[in-house]
Amino acid sequence: MTKKKIDVLLHELVPKHVLLTKEESQKLLEKYHIDVIDLPQILEKDPVSIAVGAKEGDILKIVRNSDTTVKSIDYYRYVKKEKI
């Protein structure tokens, strides 16, 4: 029996995830005067992290559409490895 590969990014309930470049990450941290450890975290083994190719130390931008307020809301997550 073979397992089907499912692209989690195509699911209607998964918002758009964008892997920031090092320059974009640095600008984000400078804009808010924070360090990466101040951001909420997402694990490197998370299905979305795997799908976008995120590695430990990367920052993901999550763009969630909003029907009630502004056009979209951006969230950021710091990618980290799972502690064993």
N, C-alpha and C. Protein backbone atom coordinates (compact mmCIF):
# COMPACT_ATOMS: atom_id res chain seq x y z
N MET A 1 0.84 -1.18 0.00
CA MET A 1 0.00 0.00 0.00
C MET A 1 0.89 1.25 0.00
N THR A 2 0.63 2.16 -0.92
CA THR A 2 1.43 3.38 -1.00
C THR A 2 0.67 4.53 -0.36
N LYS A 3 1.44 5.44 0.24
CA LYS A 3 0.84 6.61 0.86
C LYS A 3 0.74 7.72 -0.18
N LYS A 4 -0.38 8.43 -0.15
CA LYS A 4 -0.55 9.58 -1.02
C LYS A 4 0.10 10.79 -0.39
N LYS A 5 0.77 11.58 -1.20
CA LYS A 5 1.32 12.84 -0.71
C LYS A 5 0.26 13.92 -0.91
N ILE A 6 0.02 14.65 0.16
CA ILE A 6 -0.98 15.71 0.10
C ILE A 6 -0.27 17.05 0.29
N ASP A 7 -0.56 18.00 -0.58
CA ASP A 7 0.00 19.33 -0.46
C ASP A 7 -0.89 20.14 0.49
N VAL A 8 -0.41 20.31 1.72
CA VAL A 8 -1.22 21.00 2.73
C VAL A 8 -1.48 22.45 2.36
N LEU A 9 -0.63 23.03 1.54
CA LEU A 9 -0.81 24.43 1.16
C LEU A 9 -2.03 24.65 0.26
N LEU A 10 -2.52 23.58 -0.34
CA LEU A 10 -3.69 23.70 -1.22
C LEU A 10 -5.02 23.59 -0.48
N HIS A 11 -4.96 23.23 0.81
CA HIS A 11 -6.20 23.08 1.58
C HIS A 11 -6.83 24.46 1.81
N GLU A 12 -8.15 24.53 1.71
CA GLU A 12 -8.85 25.81 1.80
C GLU A 12 -8.72 26.49 3.17
N LEU A 13 -8.44 25.74 4.21
CA LEU A 13 -8.33 26.33 5.55
C LEU A 13 -6.90 26.71 5.94
N VAL A 14 -5.93 26.40 5.09
CA VAL A 14 -4.54 26.75 5.38
C VAL A 14 -4.23 28.09 4.71
N PRO A 15 -3.88 29.11 5.54
CA PRO A 15 -3.57 30.42 4.94
C PRO A 15 -2.26 30.39 4.18
N LYS A 16 -2.01 31.43 3.41
CA LYS A 16 -0.78 31.53 2.62
C LYS A 16 0.42 31.66 3.56
N HIS A 17 1.46 30.88 3.30
CA HIS A 17 2.71 30.92 4.07
C HIS A 17 3.84 31.33 3.13
N VAL A 18 4.63 32.30 3.57
CA VAL A 18 5.73 32.81 2.75
C VAL A 18 7.01 32.72 3.58
N LEU A 19 8.04 32.15 2.99
CA LEU A 19 9.35 32.06 3.64
C LEU A 19 10.09 33.37 3.37
N LEU A 20 10.40 34.11 4.45
CA LEU A 20 11.09 35.39 4.29
C LEU A 20 12.57 35.18 3.96
N THR A 21 13.11 36.08 3.16
CA THR A 21 14.54 36.06 2.88
C THR A 21 15.26 36.56 4.14
N LYS A 22 16.57 36.40 4.18
CA LYS A 22 17.35 36.89 5.32
C LYS A 22 17.21 38.41 5.45
N GLU A 23 17.18 39.12 4.32
CA GLU A 23 17.04 40.57 4.35
C GLU A 23 15.66 40.97 4.89
N GLU A 24 14.62 40.30 4.43
CA GLU A 24 13.26 40.59 4.91
C GLU A 24 13.14 40.28 6.40
N SER A 25 13.76 39.19 6.82
CA SER A 25 13.73 38.82 8.24
C SER A 25 14.40 39.90 9.08
N GLN A 26 15.55 40.37 8.61
CA GLN A 26 16.29 41.40 9.36
C GLN A 26 15.49 42.69 9.46
N LYS A 27 14.84 43.08 8.35
CA LYS A 27 14.00 44.29 8.35
C LYS A 27 12.84 44.15 9.32
N LEU A 28 12.22 42.97 9.37
CA LEU A 28 11.11 42.72 10.29
C LEU A 28 11.57 42.88 11.74
N LEU A 29 12.69 42.26 12.07
CA LEU A 29 13.21 42.32 13.44
C LEU A 29 13.60 43.75 13.82
N GLU A 30 14.18 44.49 12.89
CA GLU A 30 14.54 45.88 13.16
C GLU A 30 13.31 46.76 13.30
N LYS A 31 12.30 46.51 12.47
CA LYS A 31 11.07 47.32 12.50
C LYS A 31 10.40 47.25 13.87
N TYR A 32 10.35 46.06 14.45
CA TYR A 32 9.67 45.88 15.74
C TYR A 32 10.63 45.84 16.93
N HIS A 33 11.93 46.03 16.67
CA HIS A 33 12.95 46.02 17.73
C HIS A 33 12.87 44.75 18.58
N ILE A 34 12.91 43.61 17.89
CA ILE A 34 12.81 42.31 18.57
C ILE A 34 13.89 41.37 18.07
N ASP A 35 14.05 40.25 18.76
CA ASP A 35 14.91 39.15 18.33
C ASP A 35 14.02 38.01 17.85
N VAL A 36 14.59 37.07 17.13
CA VAL A 36 13.78 35.95 16.62
C VAL A 36 13.11 35.16 17.74
N ILE A 37 13.75 35.10 18.90
CA ILE A 37 13.16 34.33 20.00
C ILE A 37 11.91 35.00 20.56
N ASP A 38 11.66 36.26 20.20
CA ASP A 38 10.46 36.96 20.63
C ASP A 38 9.24 36.60 19.79
N LEU A 39 9.48 36.00 18.63
CA LEU A 39 8.37 35.61 17.74
C LEU A 39 7.77 34.29 18.21
N PRO A 40 6.48 34.07 17.93
CA PRO A 40 5.91 32.75 18.17
C PRO A 40 6.66 31.72 17.32
N GLN A 41 6.62 30.48 17.73
CA GLN A 41 7.42 29.46 17.05
C GLN A 41 6.56 28.45 16.29
N ILE A 42 7.17 27.89 15.28
CA ILE A 42 6.59 26.78 14.53
C ILE A 42 7.71 25.76 14.37
N LEU A 43 7.37 24.50 14.50
CA LEU A 43 8.38 23.46 14.41
C LEU A 43 8.81 23.19 12.98
N GLU A 44 10.06 22.82 12.83
CA GLU A 44 10.62 22.50 11.51
C GLU A 44 9.89 21.30 10.89
N LYS A 45 9.33 20.43 11.74
CA LYS A 45 8.63 19.24 11.25
C LYS A 45 7.14 19.48 10.99
N ASP A 46 6.68 20.70 11.18
CA ASP A 46 5.29 21.03 10.89
C ASP A 46 5.06 20.81 9.40
N PRO A 47 3.91 20.25 9.02
CA PRO A 47 3.65 19.99 7.60
C PRO A 47 3.82 21.21 6.69
N VAL A 48 3.42 22.38 7.17
CA VAL A 48 3.57 23.59 6.36
C VAL A 48 5.04 23.98 6.25
N SER A 49 5.79 23.86 7.34
CA SER A 49 7.23 24.16 7.30
C SER A 49 7.93 23.28 6.27
N ILE A 50 7.58 22.02 6.26
CA ILE A 50 8.16 21.08 5.30
C ILE A 50 7.77 21.46 3.87
N ALA A 51 6.49 21.82 3.69
CA ALA A 51 5.99 22.14 2.34
C ALA A 51 6.68 23.36 1.74
N VAL A 52 7.01 24.36 2.56
CA VAL A 52 7.65 25.57 2.02
C VAL A 52 9.17 25.50 2.10
N GLY A 53 9.70 24.43 2.69
CA GLY A 53 11.15 24.25 2.76
C GLY A 53 11.82 25.06 3.86
N ALA A 54 11.09 25.36 4.94
CA ALA A 54 11.65 26.15 6.03
C ALA A 54 12.60 25.32 6.88
N LYS A 55 13.68 25.95 7.30
CA LYS A 55 14.68 25.31 8.16
C LYS A 55 14.81 26.12 9.44
N GLU A 56 15.45 25.53 10.44
CA GLU A 56 15.63 26.21 11.71
C GLU A 56 16.30 27.58 11.50
N GLY A 57 15.73 28.60 12.15
CA GLY A 57 16.26 29.95 12.03
C GLY A 57 15.52 30.81 11.01
N ASP A 58 14.73 30.18 10.14
CA ASP A 58 13.95 30.94 9.15
C ASP A 58 12.74 31.58 9.82
N ILE A 59 12.17 32.55 9.14
CA ILE A 59 10.94 33.18 9.60
C ILE A 59 9.89 33.02 8.52
N LEU A 60 8.71 32.55 8.94
CA LEU A 60 7.58 32.39 8.04
C LEU A 60 6.60 33.53 8.24
N LYS A 61 6.10 34.07 7.15
CA LYS A 61 5.04 35.07 7.18
C LYS A 61 3.75 34.34 6.81
N ILE A 62 2.75 34.47 7.65
CA ILE A 62 1.45 33.84 7.40
C ILE A 62 0.46 34.95 7.06
N VAL A 63 -0.13 34.88 5.89
CA VAL A 63 -1.07 35.91 5.43
C VAL A 63 -2.47 35.31 5.49
N ARG A 64 -3.25 35.83 6.44
CA ARG A 64 -4.61 35.33 6.63
C ARG A 64 -5.59 36.40 6.15
N ASN A 65 -6.45 36.02 5.20
CA ASN A 65 -7.47 36.95 4.71
C ASN A 65 -8.50 37.20 5.80
N SER A 66 -8.99 38.43 5.83
CA SER A 66 -9.98 38.81 6.83
C SER A 66 -11.21 39.37 6.14
N ASP A 67 -12.37 38.84 6.47
CA ASP A 67 -13.62 39.32 5.89
C ASP A 67 -14.23 40.44 6.73
N THR A 68 -13.74 40.62 7.95
CA THR A 68 -14.37 41.57 8.85
C THR A 68 -13.57 42.84 9.10
N THR A 69 -12.26 42.80 8.91
CA THR A 69 -11.47 44.00 9.19
C THR A 69 -10.76 44.47 7.94
N VAL A 70 -9.47 44.42 7.95
CA VAL A 70 -8.69 44.83 6.79
C VAL A 70 -8.63 43.70 5.78
N LYS A 71 -7.98 43.94 4.67
CA LYS A 71 -7.91 42.92 3.61
C LYS A 71 -7.24 41.64 4.09
N SER A 72 -6.09 41.80 4.77
CA SER A 72 -5.40 40.62 5.29
C SER A 72 -4.61 40.99 6.54
N ILE A 73 -4.29 39.98 7.32
CA ILE A 73 -3.51 40.16 8.54
C ILE A 73 -2.29 39.27 8.42
N ASP A 74 -1.12 39.83 8.73
CA ASP A 74 0.13 39.07 8.64
C ASP A 74 0.56 38.61 10.03
N TYR A 75 0.95 37.36 10.11
CA TYR A 75 1.50 36.78 11.32
C TYR A 75 2.90 36.28 10.98
N TYR A 76 3.76 36.20 11.97
CA TYR A 76 5.12 35.72 11.74
C TYR A 76 5.44 34.59 12.72
N ARG A 77 6.19 33.61 12.24
CA ARG A 77 6.61 32.48 13.07
C ARG A 77 8.09 32.20 12.84
N TYR A 78 8.79 31.93 13.94
CA TYR A 78 10.19 31.54 13.92
C TYR A 78 10.26 30.01 13.84
N VAL A 79 11.00 29.49 12.89
CA VAL A 79 11.11 28.04 12.71
C VAL A 79 12.20 27.50 13.63
N LYS A 80 11.84 26.49 14.42
CA LYS A 80 12.82 25.89 15.32
C LYS A 80 12.74 24.38 15.26
N LYS A 81 13.82 23.73 15.66
CA LYS A 81 13.83 22.26 15.71
C LYS A 81 13.15 21.80 16.98
N GLU A 82 12.56 20.63 16.89
CA GLU A 82 11.89 20.05 18.04
C GLU A 82 12.94 19.51 19.02
N LYS A 83 12.76 19.83 20.29
CA LYS A 83 13.66 19.30 21.33
C LYS A 83 13.22 17.87 21.65
N ILE A 84 14.19 17.00 21.75
CA ILE A 84 13.87 15.59 22.05
C ILE A 84 14.11 15.31 23.51
